[in-house]
Protein backbone atom coordinates (compact mmCIF):
# COMPACT_ATOMS: atom_id res chain seq x y z
CA UNK A 1 44.79 -48.11 60.29
CA UNK A 2 46.81 -44.99 59.48
CA UNK A 3 48.71 -43.43 62.32
CA UNK A 4 48.37 -39.73 62.85
CA UNK A 5 51.22 -37.72 64.17
CA UNK A 6 50.54 -36.22 67.61
CA UNK A 7 51.89 -32.82 66.52
CA UNK A 8 50.75 -30.74 63.56
CA UNK A 9 53.46 -29.91 61.03
CA UNK A 10 55.44 -26.80 61.89
CA UNK A 11 55.30 -24.07 59.26
CA UNK A 12 58.75 -22.98 58.17
CA UNK A 13 59.15 -19.22 57.60
CA UNK A 14 61.99 -19.90 55.16
CA UNK A 15 59.81 -22.20 53.10
CA UNK A 16 56.94 -19.72 53.11
CA UNK A 17 59.29 -16.91 52.02
CA UNK A 18 60.75 -19.07 49.24
CA UNK A 19 57.23 -19.99 48.12
CA UNK A 20 56.18 -16.32 48.07
CA UNK A 21 59.31 -15.38 46.09
CA UNK A 22 58.64 -18.19 43.63
CA UNK A 23 55.07 -16.97 43.21
CA UNK A 24 56.30 -13.43 42.47
CA UNK A 25 58.82 -14.72 39.96
CA UNK A 26 56.15 -16.82 38.26
CA UNK A 27 53.86 -13.79 38.01
CA UNK A 28 56.72 -11.74 36.53
CA UNK A 29 57.38 -14.47 33.99
CA UNK A 30 53.68 -14.61 33.13
CA UNK A 31 53.62 -10.83 32.57
CA UNK A 32 56.75 -10.94 30.39
CA UNK A 33 55.22 -13.76 28.34
CA UNK A 34 52.04 -11.74 27.79
CA UNK A 35 54.13 -8.71 26.82
CA UNK A 36 56.14 -10.77 24.31
CA UNK A 37 52.93 -12.20 22.82
CA UNK A 38 51.42 -8.72 22.46
CA UNK A 39 54.64 -7.36 20.93
CA UNK A 40 54.82 -10.25 18.45
CA UNK A 41 51.21 -9.66 17.43
CA UNK A 42 51.89 -5.93 16.96
CA UNK A 43 55.04 -6.80 14.98
CA UNK A 44 52.96 -8.93 12.60
CA UNK A 45 50.41 -6.13 12.20
CA UNK A 46 53.16 -3.61 11.46
CA UNK A 47 54.83 -5.90 8.93
CA UNK A 48 51.50 -6.36 7.18
CA UNK A 49 50.82 -2.59 7.20
CA UNK A 50 54.32 -1.95 5.85
CA UNK A 51 53.73 -4.40 3.01
CA UNK A 52 50.47 -2.73 2.04
CA UNK A 53 51.76 0.83 2.32
CA UNK A 54 55.04 0.11 0.54
CA UNK A 55 53.08 -0.81 -2.57
CA UNK A 56 50.97 2.37 -2.37
CA UNK A 57 53.60 4.94 -1.34
CA UNK A 58 53.35 7.98 -3.55
CA UNK A 59 51.94 10.57 -1.17
CA UNK A 60 54.43 12.29 1.20
CA UNK A 61 52.00 11.76 4.09
CA UNK A 62 51.97 8.02 3.39
CA UNK A 63 55.76 8.05 3.20
CA UNK A 64 55.87 9.71 6.66
CA UNK A 65 53.45 7.10 8.01
CA UNK A 66 55.60 4.37 6.50
CA UNK A 67 58.68 5.81 8.19
CA UNK A 68 56.85 5.93 11.54
CA UNK A 69 55.72 2.32 11.16
CA UNK A 70 59.27 1.22 10.32
CA UNK A 71 60.60 3.04 13.40
CA UNK A 72 57.97 1.40 15.63
CA UNK A 73 58.75 -1.99 14.09
CA UNK A 74 62.46 -1.52 14.82
CA UNK A 75 61.67 -0.60 18.44
CA UNK A 76 59.44 -3.65 18.84
CA UNK A 77 62.14 -5.94 17.44
CA UNK A 78 64.68 -4.47 19.86
CA UNK A 79 62.25 -4.91 22.76
CA UNK A 80 61.55 -8.52 21.76
CA UNK A 81 65.28 -9.24 21.55
CA UNK A 82 65.85 -7.70 24.97
CA UNK A 83 63.11 -9.89 26.48
CA UNK A 84 65.36 -12.90 26.12
CA UNK A 85 68.57 -11.30 27.32
CA UNK A 86 68.52 -9.49 30.61
CA UNK A 87 71.28 -8.00 32.71
CA UNK A 88 70.57 -10.64 35.35
CA UNK A 89 71.56 -13.35 32.87
CA UNK A 90 74.73 -11.49 31.91
CA UNK A 91 75.66 -11.06 35.58
CA UNK A 92 75.11 -14.74 36.27
CA UNK A 93 77.19 -15.70 33.25
CA UNK A 94 79.98 -13.33 34.33
CA UNK A 95 80.20 -14.81 37.83
CA UNK A 96 80.15 -18.36 36.46
CA UNK A 97 83.07 -17.52 34.18
CA UNK A 98 84.95 -15.90 37.07
CA UNK A 99 84.31 -18.89 39.32
CA UNK A 100 85.33 -21.58 36.85
CA UNK A 101 88.31 -19.72 35.39
CA UNK A 102 89.49 -18.99 38.92
CA UNK A 103 89.05 -22.62 39.89
CA UNK A 104 90.98 -23.69 36.77
CA UNK A 105 93.84 -21.33 37.60
CA UNK A 106 94.05 -22.55 41.19
CA UNK A 107 94.02 -26.19 40.09
CA UNK A 108 96.63 -25.46 37.42
CA UNK A 109 98.95 -23.75 39.88
CA UNK A 110 98.46 -26.56 42.37
CA UNK A 111 99.25 -29.27 39.80
CA UNK A 112 102.26 -27.33 38.53
CA UNK A 113 103.72 -26.95 42.02
CA UNK A 114 102.99 -30.62 42.82
CA UNK A 115 104.55 -31.92 39.58
CA UNK A 116 107.41 -29.51 39.12
């Protein structure tokens, strides 16, 4: 026979807050993923349109459209590249470098004073 605890589990506000934050981050990730998928699809469409129009470009209006498509394609590629590198990642990397280089310097100075 399984024993039941006499008291119900106590809800932790910290756990609930962490769970809510995790849910928000997951939703943000889901939105970024959908944005990347849409941008990649548009990139493919633009590349295909550029291939078709490049073969037919004689008219100045078509040349202008081709230029506009190339500009939009360049913007999409930049946006796709920026999806995978955010300032948050750069900040985290910076502080990791500061922490480990600082730790290395402190250990080096400590060993040098101990040895010499």
